[in-house]
Amino acid sequence: MKKVKILGSGCATCNQLVDAVKAVIAAEGINASVEKVEDIQQIMAYNVISTPALVVDERVLCKGRVPSREEIKEMLMAKPQGCCGSHGTKSSGGGSGCCC
């Protein structure tokens, strides 16, 4: 399940992003949870100054605007990046901090 966070103060634009993300999730049948984060300290922990911001699986993918529904769909359906995302498998490798 994807973990989606919308970072913002609760303004109209932030609420617009929440609605758009929820609509894409419903329309595409994406298995995701959506959390709205309004606490300024939590928002700053993501190094976000301009809201709203879209965070998917702890990665900030968009900030300072409401992306189109097509952009949101692409962001939500993208494969994970990083060492495990590129291999698609996990192993108990040798203590490098990577799960591969």
PDB file of N, CA and C in Angstrom:
ATOM      1  N   MET A   1       0.835  -1.178   0.000  1.00  0.00           N
ATOM      2  CA  MET A   1       0.000   0.000   0.000  1.00  0.00           C
ATOM      3  C   MET A   1       0.880   1.241   0.000  1.00  0.00           C
ATOM      4  N   LYS A   2       0.533   2.171  -0.864  1.00  0.00           N
ATOM      5  CA  LYS A   2       1.253   3.445  -0.914  1.00  0.00           C
ATOM      6  C   LYS A   2       0.788   4.322   0.246  1.00  0.00           C
ATOM      7  N   LYS A   3       1.711   5.078   0.795  1.00  0.00           N
ATOM      8  CA  LYS A   3       1.385   6.033   1.849  1.00  0.00           C
ATOM      9  C   LYS A   3       1.534   7.430   1.265  1.00  0.00           C
ATOM     10  N   VAL A   4       0.427   8.125   1.176  1.00  0.00           N
ATOM     11  CA  VAL A   4       0.395   9.448   0.569  1.00  0.00           C
ATOM     12  C   VAL A   4       0.138  10.480   1.659  1.00  0.00           C
ATOM     13  N   LYS A   5       0.928  11.543   1.636  1.00  0.00           N
ATOM     14  CA  LYS A   5       0.727  12.652   2.563  1.00  0.00           C
ATOM     15  C   LYS A   5       0.577  13.933   1.761  1.00  0.00           C
ATOM     16  N   ILE A   6      -0.370  14.751   2.188  1.00  0.00           N
ATOM     17  CA  ILE A   6      -0.546  16.086   1.627  1.00  0.00           C
ATOM     18  C   ILE A   6      -0.095  17.050   2.715  1.00  0.00           C
ATOM     19  N   LEU A   7       0.942  17.811   2.421  1.00  0.00           N
ATOM     20  CA  LEU A   7       1.457  18.776   3.385  1.00  0.00           C
ATOM     21  C   LEU A   7       0.884  20.145   3.069  1.00  0.00           C
ATOM     22  N   GLY A   8       0.307  20.782   4.079  1.00  0.00           N
ATOM     23  CA  GLY A   8      -0.231  22.124   3.868  1.00  0.00           C
ATOM     24  C   GLY A   8      -0.958  22.641   5.086  1.00  0.00           C
ATOM     25  N   SER A   9      -1.253  23.914   5.046  1.00  0.00           N
ATOM     26  CA  SER A   9      -1.849  24.590   6.197  1.00  0.00           C
ATOM     27  C   SER A   9      -3.354  24.396   6.315  1.00  0.00           C
ATOM     28  N   GLY A  10      -3.965  23.804   5.319  1.00  0.00           N
ATOM     29  CA  GLY A  10      -5.419  23.636   5.342  1.00  0.00           C
ATOM     30  C   GLY A  10      -6.119  24.673   4.487  1.00  0.00           C
ATOM     31  N   CYS A  11      -5.364  25.387   3.678  1.00  0.00           N
ATOM     32  CA  CYS A  11      -5.941  26.407   2.796  1.00  0.00           C
ATOM     33  C   CYS A  11      -6.722  25.743   1.656  1.00  0.00           C
ATOM     34  N   ALA A  12      -7.388  26.541   0.868  1.00  0.00           N
ATOM     35  CA  ALA A  12      -8.208  26.023  -0.234  1.00  0.00           C
ATOM     36  C   ALA A  12      -7.374  25.227  -1.237  1.00  0.00           C
ATOM     37  N   THR A  13      -6.164  25.692  -1.541  1.00  0.00           N
ATOM     38  CA  THR A  13      -5.313  24.990  -2.494  1.00  0.00           C
ATOM     39  C   THR A  13      -4.889  23.626  -1.954  1.00  0.00           C
ATOM     40  N   CYS A  14      -4.578  23.571  -0.664  1.00  0.00           N
ATOM     41  CA  CYS A  14      -4.205  22.303  -0.042  1.00  0.00           C
ATOM     42  C   CYS A  14      -5.379  21.327  -0.093  1.00  0.00           C
ATOM     43  N   ASN A  15      -6.565  21.817   0.192  1.00  0.00           N
ATOM     44  CA  ASN A  15      -7.756  20.969   0.138  1.00  0.00           C
ATOM     45  C   ASN A  15      -8.040  20.509  -1.285  1.00  0.00           C
ATOM     46  N   GLN A  16      -7.728  21.360  -2.253  1.00  0.00           N
ATOM     47  CA  GLN A  16      -7.879  20.990  -3.667  1.00  0.00           C
ATOM     48  C   GLN A  16      -6.994  19.791  -3.999  1.00  0.00           C
ATOM     49  N   LEU A  17      -5.766  19.804  -3.503  1.00  0.00           N
ATOM     50  CA  LEU A  17      -4.848  18.704  -3.752  1.00  0.00           C
ATOM     51  C   LEU A  17      -5.345  17.423  -3.082  1.00  0.00           C
ATOM     52  N   VAL A  18      -5.837  17.530  -1.867  1.00  0.00           N
ATOM     53  CA  VAL A  18      -6.390  16.359  -1.170  1.00  0.00           C
ATOM     54  C   VAL A  18      -7.514  15.749  -2.009  1.00  0.00           C
ATOM     55  N   ASP A  19      -8.434  16.586  -2.465  1.00  0.00           N
ATOM     56  CA  ASP A  19      -9.568  16.098  -3.258  1.00  0.00           C
ATOM     57  C   ASP A  19      -9.103  15.455  -4.560  1.00  0.00           C
ATOM     58  N   ALA A  20      -8.134  16.074  -5.231  1.00  0.00           N
ATOM     59  CA  ALA A  20      -7.635  15.547  -6.500  1.00  0.00           C
ATOM     60  C   ALA A  20      -6.950  14.200  -6.297  1.00  0.00           C
ATOM     61  N   VAL A  21      -6.145  14.078  -5.249  1.00  0.00           N
ATOM     62  CA  VAL A  21      -5.442  12.823  -4.973  1.00  0.00           C
ATOM     63  C   VAL A  21      -6.447  11.718  -4.662  1.00  0.00           C
ATOM     64  N   LYS A  22      -7.428  12.025  -3.817  1.00  0.00           N
ATOM     65  CA  LYS A  22      -8.443  11.029  -3.476  1.00  0.00           C
ATOM     66  C   LYS A  22      -9.239  10.599  -4.705  1.00  0.00           C
ATOM     67  N   ALA A  23      -9.526  11.537  -5.598  1.00  0.00           N
ATOM     68  CA  ALA A  23     -10.266  11.214  -6.820  1.00  0.00           C
ATOM     69  C   ALA A  23      -9.465  10.273  -7.717  1.00  0.00           C
ATOM     70  N   VAL A  24      -8.162  10.530  -7.868  1.00  0.00           N
ATOM     71  CA  VAL A  24      -7.312   9.671  -8.695  1.00  0.00           C
ATOM     72  C   VAL A  24      -7.211   8.281  -8.069  1.00  0.00           C
ATOM     73  N   ILE A  25      -7.045   8.208  -6.770  1.00  0.00           N
ATOM     74  CA  ILE A  25      -6.950   6.920  -6.081  1.00  0.00           C
ATOM     75  C   ILE A  25      -8.223   6.103  -6.306  1.00  0.00           C
ATOM     76  N   ALA A  26      -9.373   6.758  -6.174  1.00  0.00           N
ATOM     77  CA  ALA A  26     -10.642   6.061  -6.369  1.00  0.00           C
ATOM     78  C   ALA A  26     -10.841   5.636  -7.823  1.00  0.00           C
ATOM     79  N   ALA A  27     -10.545   6.526  -8.756  1.00  0.00           N
ATOM     80  CA  ALA A  27     -10.761   6.247 -10.177  1.00  0.00           C
ATOM     81  C   ALA A  27      -9.851   5.133 -10.691  1.00  0.00           C
ATOM     82  N   GLU A  28      -8.635   5.076 -10.181  1.00  0.00           N
ATOM     83  CA  GLU A  28      -7.653   4.109 -10.679  1.00  0.00           C
ATOM     84  C   GLU A  28      -7.573   2.847  -9.819  1.00  0.00           C
ATOM     85  N   GLY A  29      -8.293   2.834  -8.705  1.00  0.00           N
ATOM     86  CA  GLY A  29      -8.255   1.666  -7.826  1.00  0.00           C
ATOM     87  C   GLY A  29      -6.900   1.451  -7.183  1.00  0.00           C
ATOM     88  N   ILE A  30      -6.222   2.537  -6.872  1.00  0.00           N
ATOM     89  CA  ILE A  30      -4.885   2.459  -6.273  1.00  0.00           C
ATOM     90  C   ILE A  30      -5.020   2.161  -4.785  1.00  0.00           C
ATOM     91  N   ASN A  31      -4.239   1.218  -4.308  1.00  0.00           N
ATOM     92  CA  ASN A  31      -4.230   0.861  -2.896  1.00  0.00           C
ATOM     93  C   ASN A  31      -3.330   1.856  -2.163  1.00  0.00           C
ATOM     94  N   ALA A  32      -3.941   2.861  -1.531  1.00  0.00           N
ATOM     95  CA  ALA A  32      -3.166   3.913  -0.881  1.00  0.00           C
ATOM     96  C   ALA A  32      -3.930   4.490   0.298  1.00  0.00           C
ATOM     97  N   SER A  33      -3.171   4.934   1.277  1.00  0.00           N
ATOM     98  CA  SER A  33      -3.752   5.676   2.388  1.00  0.00           C
ATOM     99  C   SER A  33      -3.368   7.140   2.198  1.00  0.00           C
ATOM    100  N   VAL A  34      -4.260   8.037   2.602  1.00  0.00           N
ATOM    101  CA  VAL A  34      -4.008   9.470   2.447  1.00  0.00           C
ATOM    102  C   VAL A  34      -4.059  10.128   3.817  1.00  0.00           C
ATOM    103  N   GLU A  35      -3.008  10.872   4.117  1.00  0.00           N
ATOM    104  CA  GLU A  35      -2.924  11.599   5.375  1.00  0.00           C
ATOM    105  C   GLU A  35      -2.683  13.070   5.075  1.00  0.00           C
ATOM    106  N   LYS A  36      -3.431  13.930   5.737  1.00  0.00           N
ATOM    107  CA  LYS A  36      -3.245  15.367   5.591  1.00  0.00           C
ATOM    108  C   LYS A  36      -2.393  15.848   6.763  1.00  0.00           C
ATOM    109  N   VAL A  37      -1.279  16.487   6.464  1.00  0.00           N
ATOM    110  CA  VAL A  37      -0.357  16.962   7.498  1.00  0.00           C
ATOM    111  C   VAL A  37      -0.397  18.482   7.519  1.00  0.00           C
ATOM    112  N   GLU A  38      -0.842  19.038   8.647  1.00  0.00           N
ATOM    113  CA  GLU A  38      -0.951  20.491   8.769  1.00  0.00           C
ATOM    114  C   GLU A  38       0.025  21.074   9.791  1.00  0.00           C
ATOM    115  N   ASP A  39       0.694  20.231  10.558  1.00  0.00           N
ATOM    116  CA  ASP A  39       1.634  20.690  11.574  1.00  0.00           C
ATOM    117  C   ASP A  39       2.889  21.250  10.905  1.00  0.00           C
ATOM    118  N   ILE A  40       3.205  22.494  11.186  1.00  0.00           N
ATOM    119  CA  ILE A  40       4.306  23.178  10.512  1.00  0.00           C
ATOM    120  C   ILE A  40       5.649  22.499  10.786  1.00  0.00           C
ATOM    121  N   GLN A  41       5.850  21.961  11.979  1.00  0.00           N
ATOM    122  CA  GLN A  41       7.108  21.273  12.287  1.00  0.00           C
ATOM    123  C   GLN A  41       7.275  20.010  11.444  1.00  0.00           C
ATOM    124  N   GLN A  42       6.181  19.264  11.267  1.00  0.00           N
ATOM    125  CA  GLN A  42       6.240  18.069  10.426  1.00  0.00           C
ATOM    126  C   GLN A  42       6.481  18.441   8.964  1.00  0.00           C
ATOM    127  N   ILE A  43       5.849  19.510   8.511  1.00  0.00           N
ATOM    128  CA  ILE A  43       6.030  19.964   7.127  1.00  0.00           C
ATOM    129  C   ILE A  43       7.484  20.373   6.900  1.00  0.00           C
ATOM    130  N   MET A  44       8.051  21.108   7.848  1.00  0.00           N
ATOM    131  CA  MET A  44       9.437  21.564   7.714  1.00  0.00           C
ATOM    132  C   MET A  44      10.424  20.393   7.724  1.00  0.00           C
ATOM    133  N   ALA A  45      10.061  19.292   8.350  1.00  0.00           N
ATOM    134  CA  ALA A  45      10.934  18.119   8.364  1.00  0.00           C
ATOM    135  C   ALA A  45      11.143  17.554   6.955  1.00  0.00           C
ATOM    136  N   TYR A  46      10.228  17.867   6.039  1.00  0.00           N
ATOM    137  CA  TYR A  46      10.356  17.440   4.642  1.00  0.00           C
ATOM    138  C   TYR A  46      11.076  18.484   3.789  1.00  0.00           C
ATOM    139  N   ASN A  47      11.591  19.551   4.417  1.00  0.00           N
ATOM    140  CA  ASN A  47      12.250  20.655   3.709  1.00  0.00           C
ATOM    141  C   ASN A  47      11.327  21.296   2.687  1.00  0.00           C
ATOM    142  N   VAL A  48      10.071  21.426   3.064  1.00  0.00           N
ATOM    143  CA  VAL A  48       9.076  22.042   2.199  1.00  0.00           C
ATOM    144  C   VAL A  48       8.783  23.441   2.729  1.00  0.00           C
ATOM    145  N   ILE A  49       8.942  24.413   1.868  1.00  0.00           N
ATOM    146  CA  ILE A  49       8.637  25.795   2.232  1.00  0.00           C
ATOM    147  C   ILE A  49       7.335  26.222   1.569  1.00  0.00           C
ATOM    148  N   SER A  50       7.113  25.760   0.360  1.00  0.00           N
ATOM    149  CA  SER A  50       5.940  26.141  -0.421  1.00  0.00           C
ATOM    150  C   SER A  50       4.939  24.989  -0.449  1.00  0.00           C
ATOM    151  N   THR A  51       3.737  25.262   0.044  1.00  0.00           N
ATOM    152  CA  THR A  51       2.701  24.231   0.063  1.00  0.00           C
ATOM    153  C   THR A  51       1.608  24.574  -0.941  1.00  0.00           C
ATOM    154  N   PRO A  52       0.810  23.612  -1.336  1.00  0.00           N
ATOM    155  CA  PRO A  52       0.753  22.240  -0.858  1.00  0.00           C
ATOM    156  C   PRO A  52       1.895  21.421  -1.427  1.00  0.00           C
ATOM    157  N   ALA A  53       2.164  20.303  -0.755  1.00  0.00           N
ATOM    158  CA  ALA A  53       3.186  19.374  -1.233  1.00  0.00           C
ATOM    159  C   ALA A  53       2.604  17.963  -1.211  1.00  0.00           C
ATOM    160  N   LEU A  54       3.017  17.172  -2.171  1.00  0.00           N
ATOM    161  CA  LEU A  54       2.573  15.781  -2.281  1.00  0.00           C
ATOM    162  C   LEU A  54       3.749  14.868  -1.958  1.00  0.00           C
ATOM    163  N   VAL A  55       3.566  14.026  -0.949  1.00  0.00           N
ATOM    164  CA  VAL A  55       4.589  13.082  -0.516  1.00  0.00           C
ATOM    165  C   VAL A  55       4.044  11.676  -0.736  1.00  0.00           C
ATOM    166  N   VAL A  56       4.786  10.852  -1.464  1.00  0.00           N
ATOM    167  CA  VAL A  56       4.383   9.468  -1.701  1.00  0.00           C
ATOM    168  C   VAL A  56       5.499   8.573  -1.186  1.00  0.00           C
ATOM    169  N   ASP A  57       5.137   7.700  -0.259  1.00  0.00           N
ATOM    170  CA  ASP A  57       6.110   6.791   0.355  1.00  0.00           C
ATOM    171  C   ASP A  57       7.350   7.544   0.837  1.00  0.00           C
ATOM    172  N   GLU A  58       7.095   8.645   1.529  1.00  0.00           N
ATOM    173  CA  GLU A  58       8.121   9.486   2.162  1.00  0.00           C
ATOM    174  C   GLU A  58       9.022  10.233   1.190  1.00  0.00           C
ATOM    175  N   ARG A  59       8.629  10.332  -0.064  1.00  0.00           N
ATOM    176  CA  ARG A  59       9.383  11.119  -1.051  1.00  0.00           C
ATOM    177  C   ARG A  59       8.535  12.303  -1.482  1.00  0.00           C
ATOM    178  N   VAL A  60       9.068  13.511  -1.366  1.00  0.00           N
ATOM    179  CA  VAL A  60       8.367  14.709  -1.831  1.00  0.00           C
ATOM    180  C   VAL A  60       8.430  14.703  -3.355  1.00  0.00           C
ATOM    181  N   LEU A  61       7.264  14.617  -3.995  1.00  0.00           N
ATOM    182  CA  LEU A  61       7.220  14.536  -5.450  1.00  0.00           C
ATOM    183  C   LEU A  61       6.749  15.828  -6.106  1.00  0.00           C
ATOM    184  N   CYS A  62       6.064  16.663  -5.355  1.00  0.00           N
ATOM    185  CA  CYS A  62       5.562  17.919  -5.918  1.00  0.00           C
ATOM    186  C   CYS A  62       5.355  18.894  -4.770  1.00  0.00           C
ATOM    187  N   LYS A  63       5.716  20.155  -4.996  1.00  0.00           N
ATOM    188  CA  LYS A  63       5.468  21.167  -3.963  1.00  0.00           C
ATOM    189  C   LYS A  63       5.168  22.516  -4.594  1.00  0.00           C
ATOM    190  N   GLY A  64       4.341  23.273  -3.895  1.00  0.00           N
ATOM    191  CA  GLY A  64       4.021  24.630  -4.315  1.00  0.00           C
ATOM    192  C   GLY A  64       2.944  24.759  -5.369  1.00  0.00           C
ATOM    193  N   ARG A  65       2.295  23.651  -5.745  1.00  0.00           N
ATOM    194  CA  ARG A  65       1.245  23.720  -6.764  1.00  0.00           C
ATOM    195  C   ARG A  65       0.362  22.484  -6.683  1.00  0.00           C
ATOM    196  N   VAL A  66      -0.758  22.547  -7.374  1.00  0.00           N
ATOM    197  CA  VAL A  66      -1.633  21.389  -7.503  1.00  0.00           C
ATOM    198  C   VAL A  66      -1.399  20.799  -8.886  1.00  0.00           C
ATOM    199  N   PRO A  67      -0.787  19.618  -8.959  1.00  0.00           N
ATOM    200  CA  PRO A  67      -0.534  19.013 -10.264  1.00  0.00           C
ATOM    201  C   PRO A  67      -1.834  18.548 -10.915  1.00  0.00           C
ATOM    202  N   SER A  68      -1.782  18.324 -12.211  1.00  0.00           N
ATOM    203  CA  SER A  68      -2.959  17.825 -12.924  1.00  0.00           C
ATOM    204  C   SER A  68      -3.270  16.410 -12.460  1.00  0.00           C
ATOM    205  N   ARG A  69      -4.467  15.949 -12.732  1.00  0.00           N
ATOM    206  CA  ARG A  69      -4.831  14.580 -12.348  1.00  0.00           C
ATOM    207  C   ARG A  69      -3.945  13.555 -13.040  1.00  0.00           C
ATOM    208  N   GLU A  70      -3.568  13.837 -14.273  1.00  0.00           N
ATOM    209  CA  GLU A  70      -2.674  12.918 -14.993  1.00  0.00           C
ATOM    210  C   GLU A  70      -1.310  12.854 -14.305  1.00  0.00           C
ATOM    211  N   GLU A  71      -0.791  14.005 -13.865  1.00  0.00           N
ATOM    212  CA  GLU A  71       0.487  14.019 -13.147  1.00  0.00           C
ATOM    213  C   GLU A  71       0.379  13.249 -11.832  1.00  0.00           C
ATOM    214  N   ILE A  72      -0.724  13.460 -11.128  1.00  0.00           N
ATOM    215  CA  ILE A  72      -0.941  12.756  -9.858  1.00  0.00           C
ATOM    216  C   ILE A  72      -0.973  11.252 -10.107  1.00  0.00           C
ATOM    217  N   LYS A  73      -1.686  10.840 -11.146  1.00  0.00           N
ATOM    218  CA  LYS A  73      -1.768   9.421 -11.492  1.00  0.00           C
ATOM    219  C   LYS A  73      -0.372   8.850 -11.737  1.00  0.00           C
ATOM    220  N   GLU A  74       0.447   9.548 -12.502  1.00  0.00           N
ATOM    221  CA  GLU A  74       1.808   9.091 -12.796  1.00  0.00           C
ATOM    222  C   GLU A  74       2.634   8.979 -11.517  1.00  0.00           C
ATOM    223  N   MET A  75       2.497   9.967 -10.624  1.00  0.00           N
ATOM    224  CA  MET A  75       3.257   9.955  -9.373  1.00  0.00           C
ATOM    225  C   MET A  75       2.833   8.784  -8.487  1.00  0.00           C
ATOM    226  N   LEU A  76       1.541   8.518  -8.445  1.00  0.00           N
ATOM    227  CA  LEU A  76       1.040   7.449  -7.584  1.00  0.00           C
ATOM    228  C   LEU A  76       1.316   6.060  -8.150  1.00  0.00           C
ATOM    229  N   MET A  77       1.426   5.948  -9.461  1.00  0.00           N
ATOM    230  CA  MET A  77       1.606   4.639 -10.075  1.00  0.00           C
ATOM    231  C   MET A  77       3.073   4.323 -10.384  1.00  0.00           C
ATOM    232  N   ALA A  78       3.958   5.282 -10.148  1.00  0.00           N
ATOM    233  CA  ALA A  78       5.379   5.066 -10.426  1.00  0.00           C
ATOM    234  C   ALA A  78       5.932   3.991  -9.510  1.00  0.00           C
ATOM    235  N   LYS A  79       6.858   3.214 -10.045  1.00  0.00           N
ATOM    236  CA  LYS A  79       7.515   2.181  -9.236  1.00  0.00           C
ATOM    237  C   LYS A  79       8.457   2.863  -8.259  1.00  0.00           C
ATOM    238  N   PRO A  80       8.661   2.255  -7.098  1.00  0.00           N
ATOM    239  CA  PRO A  80       9.589   2.836  -6.122  1.00  0.00           C
ATOM    240  C   PRO A  80      10.990   2.948  -6.709  1.00  0.00           C
ATOM    241  N   GLN A  81      11.715   3.970  -6.263  1.00  0.00           N
ATOM    242  CA  GLN A  81      13.093   4.139  -6.707  1.00  0.00           C
ATOM    243  C   GLN A  81      14.022   3.769  -5.567  1.00  0.00           C
ATOM    244  N   GLY A  82      15.286   3.684  -5.870  1.00  0.00           N
ATOM    245  CA  GLY A  82      16.253   3.310  -4.847  1.00  0.00           C
ATOM    246  C   GLY A  82      16.735   1.906  -5.089  1.00  0.00           C
ATOM    247  N   CYS A  83      17.513   1.403  -4.161  1.00  0.00           N
ATOM    248  CA  CYS A  83      18.148   0.111  -4.398  1.00  0.00           C
ATOM    249  C   CYS A  83      17.126  -1.005  -4.530  1.00  0.00           C
ATOM    250  N   CYS A  84      16.115  -1.027  -3.705  1.00  0.00           N
ATOM    251  CA  CYS A  84      15.141  -2.117  -3.774  1.00  0.00           C
ATOM    252  C   CYS A  84      14.179  -1.922  -4.933  1.00  0.00           C
ATOM    253  N   GLY A  85      13.842  -0.680  -5.229  1.00  0.00           N
ATOM    254  CA  GLY A  85      12.929  -0.418  -6.329  1.00  0.00           C
ATOM    255  C   GLY A  85      13.512  -0.802  -7.669  1.00  0.00           C
ATOM    256  N   SER A  86      14.830  -0.716  -7.793  1.00  0.00           N
ATOM    257  CA  SER A  86      15.437  -1.044  -9.075  1.00  0.00           C
ATOM    258  C   SER A  86      15.574  -2.541  -9.276  1.00  0.00           C
ATOM    259  N   HIS A  87      15.616  -3.312  -8.186  1.00  0.00           N
ATOM    260  CA  HIS A  87      15.753  -4.761  -8.299  1.00  0.00           C
ATOM    261  C   HIS A  87      14.425  -5.476  -8.165  1.00  0.00           C
ATOM    262  N   GLY A  88      13.545  -4.932  -7.319  1.00  0.00           N
ATOM    263  CA  GLY A  88      12.255  -5.560  -7.094  1.00  0.00           C
ATOM    264  C   GLY A  88      12.304  -6.717  -6.127  1.00  0.00           C
ATOM    265  N   THR A  89      13.485  -7.021  -5.576  1.00  0.00           N
ATOM    266  CA  THR A  89      13.608  -8.106  -4.617  1.00  0.00           C
ATOM    267  C   THR A  89      14.431  -7.652  -3.439  1.00  0.00           C
ATOM    268  N   LYS A  90      14.261  -8.347  -2.337  1.00  0.00           N
ATOM    269  CA  LYS A  90      15.056  -8.056  -1.150  1.00  0.00           C
ATOM    270  C   LYS A  90      15.883  -9.290  -0.820  1.00  0.00           C
ATOM    271  N   SER A  91      17.045  -9.054  -0.286  1.00  0.00           N
ATOM    272  CA  SER A  91      17.843 -10.165   0.220  1.00  0.00           C
ATOM    273  C   SER A  91      18.460  -9.754   1.529  1.00  0.00           C
ATOM    274  N   SER A  92      19.048 -10.654   2.197  1.00  0.00           N
ATOM    275  CA  SER A  92      19.644 -10.345   3.498  1.00  0.00           C
ATOM    276  C   SER A  92      21.118 -10.016   3.334  1.00  0.00           C
ATOM    277  N   GLY A  93      21.451  -9.213   2.360  1.00  0.00           N
ATOM    278  CA  GLY A  93      22.823  -8.845   2.010  1.00  0.00           C
ATOM    279  C   GLY A  93      23.677  -8.468   3.196  1.00  0.00           C
ATOM    280  N   GLY A  94      24.867  -8.011   2.925  1.00  0.00           N
ATOM    281  CA  GLY A  94      25.899  -7.885   3.935  1.00  0.00           C
ATOM    282  C   GLY A  94      26.014  -6.568   4.650  1.00  0.00           C
ATOM    283  N   GLY A  95      25.068  -6.116   5.393  1.00  0.00           N
ATOM    284  CA  GLY A  95      25.208  -5.033   6.332  1.00  0.00           C
ATOM    285  C   GLY A  95      25.551  -3.669   5.764  1.00  0.00           C
ATOM    286  N   SER A  96      25.311  -3.407   4.503  1.00  0.00           N
ATOM    287  CA  SER A  96      25.644  -2.118   3.931  1.00  0.00           C
ATOM    288  C   SER A  96      24.575  -1.073   4.209  1.00  0.00           C
ATOM    289  N   GLY A  97      23.495  -1.473   4.890  1.00  0.00           N
ATOM    290  CA  GLY A  97      22.405  -0.550   5.131  1.00  0.00           C
ATOM    291  C   GLY A  97      21.345  -0.641   4.064  1.00  0.00           C
ATOM    292  N   CYS A  98      21.659  -1.255   2.955  1.00  0.00           N
ATOM    293  CA  CYS A  98      20.705  -1.453   1.872  1.00  0.00           C
ATOM    294  C   CYS A  98      20.014  -2.788   2.077  1.00  0.00           C
ATOM    295  N   CYS A  99      18.770  -2.866   1.705  1.00  0.00           N
ATOM    296  CA  CYS A  99      18.031  -4.111   1.904  1.00  0.00           C
ATOM    297  C   CYS A  99      18.349  -5.135   0.832  1.00  0.00           C
ATOM    298  N   CYS A 100      19.117  -4.768  -0.171  1.00  0.00           N
ATOM    299  CA  CYS A 100      19.415  -5.691  -1.271  1.00  0.00           C
ATOM    300  C   CYS A 100      20.710  -6.425  -1.046  1.00  0.00           C
TER     301      CYS A 100
END
